[in-house]
Amino acid sequence: MSASLALGEALGVPPLVLAELLPGIEAVMVIKLNEQIEAERA
């Protein structure tokens, strides 16, 4: 999380915006990673 906040800060994204967006982005990442793992098992 701290790396994401640091990256956002370097890009000029306000911390409050990051705090709002990161949970949704993380959820999609987990779903896509799980789909990829399942596809590799098949």
Protein backbone atom coordinates (compact mmCIF):
# COMPACT_ATOMS: atom_id res chain seq x y z
CA MET A 1 0.00 0.00 0.00
CA SER A 2 2.81 2.42 0.82
CA ALA A 3 4.39 1.78 -2.58
CA SER A 4 1.08 2.58 -4.28
CA LEU A 5 0.74 5.79 -2.31
CA ALA A 6 4.32 6.78 -3.12
CA LEU A 7 3.75 6.10 -6.83
CA GLY A 8 0.55 8.13 -6.78
CA GLU A 9 2.32 10.98 -5.03
CA ALA A 10 5.10 10.92 -7.64
CA LEU A 11 2.44 11.11 -10.35
CA GLY A 12 0.67 13.99 -8.62
CA VAL A 13 -2.43 12.04 -7.59
CA PRO A 14 -3.87 13.26 -4.27
CA PRO A 15 -3.73 10.67 -1.45
CA LEU A 16 -7.49 10.89 -0.87
CA VAL A 17 -8.14 9.95 -4.50
CA LEU A 18 -5.78 6.98 -4.19
CA ALA A 19 -7.44 5.85 -0.98
CA GLU A 20 -10.77 5.89 -2.80
CA LEU A 21 -9.60 4.08 -5.94
CA LEU A 22 -7.11 1.50 -4.69
CA PRO A 23 -9.57 -0.92 -3.02
CA GLY A 24 -11.53 -1.29 -6.26
CA ILE A 25 -8.36 -1.74 -8.31
CA GLU A 26 -7.09 -4.34 -5.85
CA ALA A 27 -10.35 -6.30 -6.07
CA VAL A 28 -10.14 -6.48 -9.87
CA MET A 29 -6.48 -7.51 -9.69
CA VAL A 30 -7.30 -10.39 -7.34
CA ILE A 31 -10.16 -11.58 -9.55
CA LYS A 32 -7.99 -11.49 -12.68
CA LEU A 33 -5.08 -13.25 -10.96
CA ASN A 34 -7.40 -16.00 -9.75
CA GLU A 35 -8.81 -16.42 -13.27
CA GLN A 36 -5.28 -16.68 -14.67
CA ILE A 37 -4.26 -19.28 -12.06
CA GLU A 38 -7.37 -21.35 -12.83
CA ALA A 39 -6.71 -21.14 -16.58
CA GLU A 40 -3.15 -22.36 -16.09
CA ARG A 41 -4.36 -25.35 -14.06
CA ALA A 42 -6.78 -26.48 -16.78
